[in-house]
N, C-alpha and C. Protein backbone atom coordinates (compact mmCIF):
# COMPACT_ATOMS: atom_id res chain seq x y z
N MET A 1 -65.73 -2.41 12.05
CA MET A 1 -65.92 -0.99 11.92
C MET A 1 -67.36 -0.65 11.60
N SER A 2 -67.94 -1.23 10.52
CA SER A 2 -69.34 -0.96 10.21
C SER A 2 -69.92 -2.13 9.45
N GLU A 3 -71.19 -2.00 9.03
CA GLU A 3 -71.92 -3.07 8.37
C GLU A 3 -71.74 -3.09 6.85
N SER A 4 -71.29 -2.00 6.24
CA SER A 4 -71.19 -1.90 4.79
C SER A 4 -70.09 -2.81 4.25
N ASP A 5 -70.33 -3.40 3.05
CA ASP A 5 -69.33 -4.24 2.41
C ASP A 5 -68.25 -3.41 1.73
N ILE A 6 -68.60 -2.18 1.37
CA ILE A 6 -67.67 -1.30 0.66
C ILE A 6 -67.43 -0.07 1.53
N GLN A 7 -66.16 0.29 1.69
CA GLN A 7 -65.83 1.48 2.46
C GLN A 7 -64.79 2.31 1.72
N MET A 8 -64.88 3.62 1.93
CA MET A 8 -63.90 4.54 1.37
C MET A 8 -63.09 5.12 2.53
N VAL A 9 -61.79 5.03 2.39
CA VAL A 9 -60.89 5.64 3.36
C VAL A 9 -60.34 6.90 2.70
N VAL A 10 -60.57 8.04 3.34
CA VAL A 10 -60.10 9.33 2.85
C VAL A 10 -59.07 9.85 3.84
N ALA A 11 -57.90 10.20 3.35
CA ALA A 11 -56.84 10.68 4.23
C ALA A 11 -56.24 11.96 3.67
N TYR A 12 -55.94 12.88 4.56
CA TYR A 12 -55.24 14.11 4.22
C TYR A 12 -53.87 14.02 4.89
N ILE A 13 -52.81 14.01 4.09
CA ILE A 13 -51.46 13.80 4.63
C ILE A 13 -50.49 14.85 4.09
N ARG A 14 -49.29 14.85 4.66
CA ARG A 14 -48.22 15.72 4.16
C ARG A 14 -47.76 15.20 2.79
N PRO A 15 -47.48 16.10 1.85
CA PRO A 15 -47.03 15.66 0.52
C PRO A 15 -45.78 14.79 0.56
N GLY A 16 -44.87 15.07 1.47
CA GLY A 16 -43.63 14.30 1.57
C GLY A 16 -43.82 12.87 2.04
N LYS A 17 -45.00 12.55 2.54
CA LYS A 17 -45.27 11.19 3.03
C LYS A 17 -46.00 10.32 2.02
N LEU A 18 -46.30 10.85 0.83
CA LEU A 18 -47.06 10.11 -0.16
C LEU A 18 -46.39 8.80 -0.57
N THR A 19 -45.11 8.82 -0.84
CA THR A 19 -44.41 7.61 -1.27
C THR A 19 -44.48 6.53 -0.20
N ALA A 20 -44.25 6.91 1.05
CA ALA A 20 -44.31 5.93 2.14
C ALA A 20 -45.72 5.37 2.31
N VAL A 21 -46.73 6.21 2.16
CA VAL A 21 -48.12 5.75 2.29
C VAL A 21 -48.48 4.81 1.15
N LYS A 22 -48.07 5.13 -0.08
CA LYS A 22 -48.35 4.24 -1.21
C LYS A 22 -47.72 2.87 -0.98
N LYS A 23 -46.50 2.86 -0.47
CA LYS A 23 -45.83 1.59 -0.18
C LYS A 23 -46.58 0.83 0.92
N GLY A 24 -46.99 1.52 1.96
CA GLY A 24 -47.73 0.89 3.05
C GLY A 24 -49.05 0.31 2.58
N LEU A 25 -49.76 1.03 1.71
CA LEU A 25 -51.02 0.54 1.18
C LEU A 25 -50.82 -0.69 0.30
N ALA A 26 -49.78 -0.69 -0.50
CA ALA A 26 -49.48 -1.86 -1.34
C ALA A 26 -49.19 -3.08 -0.47
N GLU A 27 -48.44 -2.88 0.61
CA GLU A 27 -48.14 -3.98 1.53
C GLU A 27 -49.39 -4.48 2.25
N ALA A 28 -50.36 -3.59 2.47
CA ALA A 28 -51.61 -3.97 3.13
C ALA A 28 -52.60 -4.63 2.16
N GLY A 29 -52.26 -4.66 0.88
CA GLY A 29 -53.13 -5.28 -0.12
C GLY A 29 -54.14 -4.34 -0.72
N ALA A 30 -53.92 -3.04 -0.58
CA ALA A 30 -54.85 -2.03 -1.14
C ALA A 30 -54.07 -1.02 -1.98
N PRO A 31 -53.57 -1.45 -3.14
CA PRO A 31 -52.73 -0.55 -3.94
C PRO A 31 -53.51 0.49 -4.75
N SER A 32 -54.83 0.33 -4.93
CA SER A 32 -55.61 1.27 -5.73
C SER A 32 -55.99 2.50 -4.93
N LEU A 33 -55.72 3.67 -5.48
CA LEU A 33 -56.06 4.90 -4.77
C LEU A 33 -56.15 6.05 -5.75
N THR A 34 -56.79 7.12 -5.30
CA THR A 34 -56.86 8.37 -6.04
C THR A 34 -56.17 9.42 -5.20
N VAL A 35 -55.38 10.27 -5.86
CA VAL A 35 -54.58 11.28 -5.15
C VAL A 35 -54.87 12.65 -5.74
N ASN A 36 -55.10 13.63 -4.85
CA ASN A 36 -55.31 15.03 -5.25
C ASN A 36 -54.46 15.92 -4.38
N ASN A 37 -53.92 16.98 -4.97
CA ASN A 37 -53.24 18.00 -4.18
C ASN A 37 -54.30 18.98 -3.69
N VAL A 38 -54.28 19.24 -2.40
CA VAL A 38 -55.27 20.15 -1.79
C VAL A 38 -54.57 21.09 -0.83
N ARG A 39 -55.29 22.12 -0.39
CA ARG A 39 -54.80 23.05 0.61
C ARG A 39 -55.84 23.12 1.70
N GLY A 40 -55.40 23.23 2.94
CA GLY A 40 -56.37 23.30 4.02
C GLY A 40 -55.77 23.84 5.30
N ARG A 41 -56.66 23.99 6.28
CA ARG A 41 -56.24 24.53 7.56
C ARG A 41 -56.77 23.61 8.65
N GLY A 42 -55.92 23.32 9.62
CA GLY A 42 -56.30 22.49 10.76
C GLY A 42 -55.56 22.98 11.99
N SER A 43 -54.98 22.06 12.73
CA SER A 43 -54.28 22.43 13.96
C SER A 43 -52.84 22.87 13.71
N GLN A 44 -52.37 22.74 12.48
CA GLN A 44 -51.01 23.15 12.15
C GLN A 44 -50.88 24.66 12.31
N PRO A 45 -49.78 25.13 12.93
CA PRO A 45 -49.66 26.57 13.19
C PRO A 45 -49.56 27.40 11.91
N VAL A 46 -50.04 28.63 12.00
CA VAL A 46 -49.96 29.59 10.90
C VAL A 46 -48.51 30.03 10.75
N LYS A 47 -48.06 30.15 9.50
CA LYS A 47 -46.69 30.61 9.24
C LYS A 47 -46.75 32.03 8.70
N LYS A 48 -45.81 32.85 9.16
CA LYS A 48 -45.71 34.22 8.65
C LYS A 48 -44.40 34.37 7.91
N GLY A 49 -44.45 35.16 6.86
CA GLY A 49 -43.24 35.41 6.08
C GLY A 49 -43.22 36.84 5.60
N GLN A 50 -42.13 37.17 4.91
CA GLN A 50 -42.00 38.51 4.38
C GLN A 50 -41.46 38.39 2.96
N TRP A 51 -42.07 39.14 2.05
CA TRP A 51 -41.64 39.15 0.67
C TRP A 51 -41.70 40.58 0.16
N ARG A 52 -40.56 41.08 -0.30
CA ARG A 52 -40.43 42.46 -0.80
C ARG A 52 -40.95 43.48 0.21
N GLY A 53 -40.64 43.23 1.46
CA GLY A 53 -41.00 44.17 2.50
C GLY A 53 -42.41 44.04 3.02
N GLU A 54 -43.20 43.20 2.40
CA GLU A 54 -44.59 43.01 2.83
C GLU A 54 -44.70 41.70 3.62
N GLU A 55 -45.40 41.78 4.76
CA GLU A 55 -45.62 40.57 5.54
C GLU A 55 -46.83 39.82 4.98
N TYR A 56 -46.74 38.49 4.93
CA TYR A 56 -47.87 37.68 4.49
C TYR A 56 -48.04 36.50 5.44
N VAL A 57 -49.23 35.94 5.42
CA VAL A 57 -49.57 34.83 6.31
C VAL A 57 -49.93 33.62 5.45
N VAL A 58 -49.36 32.47 5.80
CA VAL A 58 -49.71 31.21 5.15
C VAL A 58 -50.55 30.42 6.15
N ASP A 59 -51.87 30.41 5.92
CA ASP A 59 -52.74 29.67 6.84
C ASP A 59 -53.42 28.48 6.16
N LEU A 60 -53.22 28.34 4.86
CA LEU A 60 -53.67 27.16 4.14
C LEU A 60 -52.44 26.36 3.73
N HIS A 61 -52.30 25.18 4.29
CA HIS A 61 -51.10 24.36 4.08
C HIS A 61 -51.33 23.32 2.99
N GLU A 62 -50.28 23.03 2.25
CA GLU A 62 -50.33 22.03 1.19
C GLU A 62 -50.50 20.65 1.81
N LYS A 63 -51.46 19.90 1.29
CA LYS A 63 -51.72 18.53 1.72
C LYS A 63 -51.99 17.67 0.49
N VAL A 64 -51.98 16.37 0.69
CA VAL A 64 -52.37 15.43 -0.34
C VAL A 64 -53.60 14.70 0.17
N LYS A 65 -54.64 14.63 -0.66
CA LYS A 65 -55.85 13.90 -0.30
C LYS A 65 -55.82 12.55 -1.01
N LEU A 66 -55.92 11.48 -0.22
CA LEU A 66 -55.96 10.12 -0.74
C LEU A 66 -57.36 9.57 -0.58
N GLU A 67 -57.85 8.88 -1.58
CA GLU A 67 -59.11 8.16 -1.50
C GLU A 67 -58.86 6.72 -1.89
N CYS A 68 -59.25 5.81 -1.03
CA CYS A 68 -59.03 4.39 -1.28
C CYS A 68 -60.32 3.66 -0.95
N VAL A 69 -60.96 3.06 -1.97
CA VAL A 69 -62.20 2.33 -1.77
C VAL A 69 -61.85 0.85 -1.68
N VAL A 70 -62.32 0.21 -0.60
CA VAL A 70 -61.98 -1.20 -0.38
C VAL A 70 -63.23 -2.02 -0.11
N ALA A 71 -63.18 -3.28 -0.55
CA ALA A 71 -64.25 -4.23 -0.26
C ALA A 71 -63.66 -5.54 0.25
N ASP A 72 -62.53 -5.95 -0.31
CA ASP A 72 -61.93 -7.23 0.07
C ASP A 72 -60.80 -7.08 1.10
N VAL A 73 -60.40 -5.86 1.39
CA VAL A 73 -59.38 -5.58 2.39
C VAL A 73 -60.07 -4.82 3.53
N PRO A 74 -59.87 -5.23 4.78
CA PRO A 74 -60.51 -4.49 5.88
C PRO A 74 -60.05 -3.03 5.93
N ALA A 75 -61.01 -2.12 6.10
CA ALA A 75 -60.69 -0.70 6.17
C ALA A 75 -59.74 -0.42 7.34
N ASP A 76 -59.84 -1.21 8.41
CA ASP A 76 -58.94 -1.03 9.55
C ASP A 76 -57.48 -1.23 9.15
N ASP A 77 -57.22 -2.19 8.24
CA ASP A 77 -55.85 -2.43 7.77
C ASP A 77 -55.34 -1.25 6.95
N VAL A 78 -56.23 -0.68 6.14
CA VAL A 78 -55.86 0.48 5.32
C VAL A 78 -55.56 1.67 6.22
N VAL A 79 -56.41 1.90 7.21
CA VAL A 79 -56.22 3.01 8.15
C VAL A 79 -54.89 2.85 8.88
N GLU A 80 -54.60 1.65 9.35
CA GLU A 80 -53.36 1.40 10.09
C GLU A 80 -52.14 1.63 9.20
N ALA A 81 -52.20 1.19 7.93
CA ALA A 81 -51.08 1.40 7.00
C ALA A 81 -50.83 2.89 6.79
N ILE A 82 -51.90 3.67 6.63
CA ILE A 82 -51.74 5.11 6.43
C ILE A 82 -51.19 5.76 7.69
N LYS A 83 -51.75 5.40 8.85
CA LYS A 83 -51.29 5.99 10.12
C LYS A 83 -49.80 5.76 10.34
N GLU A 84 -49.35 4.53 10.11
CA GLU A 84 -47.93 4.21 10.33
C GLU A 84 -47.02 4.95 9.35
N ALA A 85 -47.43 5.01 8.09
CA ALA A 85 -46.57 5.62 7.06
C ALA A 85 -46.56 7.14 7.11
N ALA A 86 -47.66 7.77 7.54
CA ALA A 86 -47.78 9.23 7.50
C ALA A 86 -47.38 9.91 8.80
N HIS A 87 -47.15 9.15 9.85
CA HIS A 87 -46.89 9.71 11.18
C HIS A 87 -45.51 10.37 11.28
N THR A 88 -45.48 11.62 11.76
CA THR A 88 -44.21 12.28 12.12
C THR A 88 -44.22 12.70 13.58
N GLY A 89 -45.42 12.84 14.15
CA GLY A 89 -45.54 13.28 15.54
C GLY A 89 -45.70 14.78 15.69
N ASP A 90 -45.62 15.51 14.59
CA ASP A 90 -45.75 16.97 14.62
C ASP A 90 -47.16 17.38 14.21
N PRO A 91 -47.60 18.58 14.64
CA PRO A 91 -48.90 19.06 14.16
C PRO A 91 -48.91 19.14 12.63
N GLY A 92 -50.03 18.77 12.03
CA GLY A 92 -50.13 18.81 10.57
C GLY A 92 -49.91 17.48 9.91
N ASP A 93 -49.84 16.39 10.69
CA ASP A 93 -49.69 15.06 10.09
C ASP A 93 -50.88 14.67 9.24
N GLY A 94 -52.07 15.16 9.58
CA GLY A 94 -53.24 14.91 8.76
C GLY A 94 -54.35 14.22 9.50
N LYS A 95 -55.36 13.79 8.73
CA LYS A 95 -56.54 13.14 9.27
C LYS A 95 -56.93 11.99 8.35
N ILE A 96 -57.66 11.01 8.93
CA ILE A 96 -58.19 9.88 8.16
C ILE A 96 -59.67 9.76 8.48
N PHE A 97 -60.47 9.55 7.45
CA PHE A 97 -61.91 9.36 7.60
C PHE A 97 -62.30 8.06 6.91
N VAL A 98 -63.22 7.31 7.52
CA VAL A 98 -63.74 6.08 6.92
C VAL A 98 -65.23 6.29 6.67
N ILE A 99 -65.64 6.08 5.42
CA ILE A 99 -67.01 6.37 4.99
C ILE A 99 -67.61 5.11 4.37
N ASP A 100 -68.83 4.77 4.78
CA ASP A 100 -69.54 3.65 4.15
C ASP A 100 -69.97 4.05 2.75
N VAL A 101 -69.82 3.13 1.80
CA VAL A 101 -70.22 3.37 0.42
C VAL A 101 -71.46 2.50 0.14
N ALA A 102 -72.53 3.11 -0.30
CA ALA A 102 -73.78 2.39 -0.53
C ALA A 102 -73.65 1.40 -1.68
N ASP A 103 -72.97 1.79 -2.75
CA ASP A 103 -72.82 0.91 -3.90
C ASP A 103 -71.68 1.41 -4.77
N ALA A 104 -71.20 0.54 -5.63
CA ALA A 104 -70.17 0.88 -6.61
C ALA A 104 -70.53 0.19 -7.91
N ILE A 105 -70.34 0.87 -9.02
CA ILE A 105 -70.64 0.30 -10.34
C ILE A 105 -69.43 0.50 -11.22
N GLN A 106 -68.94 -0.57 -11.81
CA GLN A 106 -67.83 -0.47 -12.75
C GLN A 106 -68.41 -0.17 -14.13
N ILE A 107 -68.03 0.93 -14.70
CA ILE A 107 -68.62 1.39 -15.96
C ILE A 107 -68.35 0.41 -17.10
N ARG A 108 -67.13 -0.06 -17.23
CA ARG A 108 -66.76 -0.92 -18.35
C ARG A 108 -67.53 -2.22 -18.37
N THR A 109 -67.64 -2.90 -17.22
CA THR A 109 -68.26 -4.23 -17.18
C THR A 109 -69.70 -4.23 -16.69
N GLY A 110 -70.11 -3.17 -16.01
CA GLY A 110 -71.45 -3.14 -15.46
C GLY A 110 -71.57 -3.84 -14.12
N LYS A 111 -70.46 -4.40 -13.61
CA LYS A 111 -70.49 -5.06 -12.31
C LYS A 111 -70.84 -4.03 -11.22
N SER A 112 -71.50 -4.52 -10.17
CA SER A 112 -71.83 -3.62 -9.07
C SER A 112 -71.51 -4.28 -7.74
N GLY A 113 -71.54 -3.47 -6.68
CA GLY A 113 -71.24 -3.97 -5.35
C GLY A 113 -69.76 -4.23 -5.17
N PRO A 114 -69.40 -5.12 -4.25
CA PRO A 114 -67.99 -5.39 -3.97
C PRO A 114 -67.21 -5.89 -5.19
N GLU A 115 -67.89 -6.55 -6.14
CA GLU A 115 -67.21 -7.03 -7.36
C GLU A 115 -66.69 -5.87 -8.20
N ALA A 116 -67.33 -4.72 -8.12
CA ALA A 116 -66.93 -3.57 -8.92
C ALA A 116 -65.66 -2.92 -8.37
N VAL A 117 -65.39 -3.14 -7.09
CA VAL A 117 -64.23 -2.51 -6.47
C VAL A 117 -63.01 -3.32 -6.80
């Protein structure tokens, strides 16, 4: 994929797929991750609703943002685990990004580079 020893895989997925993705990542050997609830807009269709007689539009959909930094596990394996676990085939399944990380420093031990991951 690239020349960097450390890579961050960032994925935006459906909230209901989080458990399956965590299991897939553990099986791929990359159990460490950070999870945030986010809202966003992509190719998923806009939903319209009505509440108390007023029409409203939902154009920001609930997603989960995963961040997984890897050095000893190939980023391709992490991407494949997420793709398989998060796939439904419908619009709004999400996106995955792979980013090179220049360095990592573990605060407690002072280790840096791939050892810190």
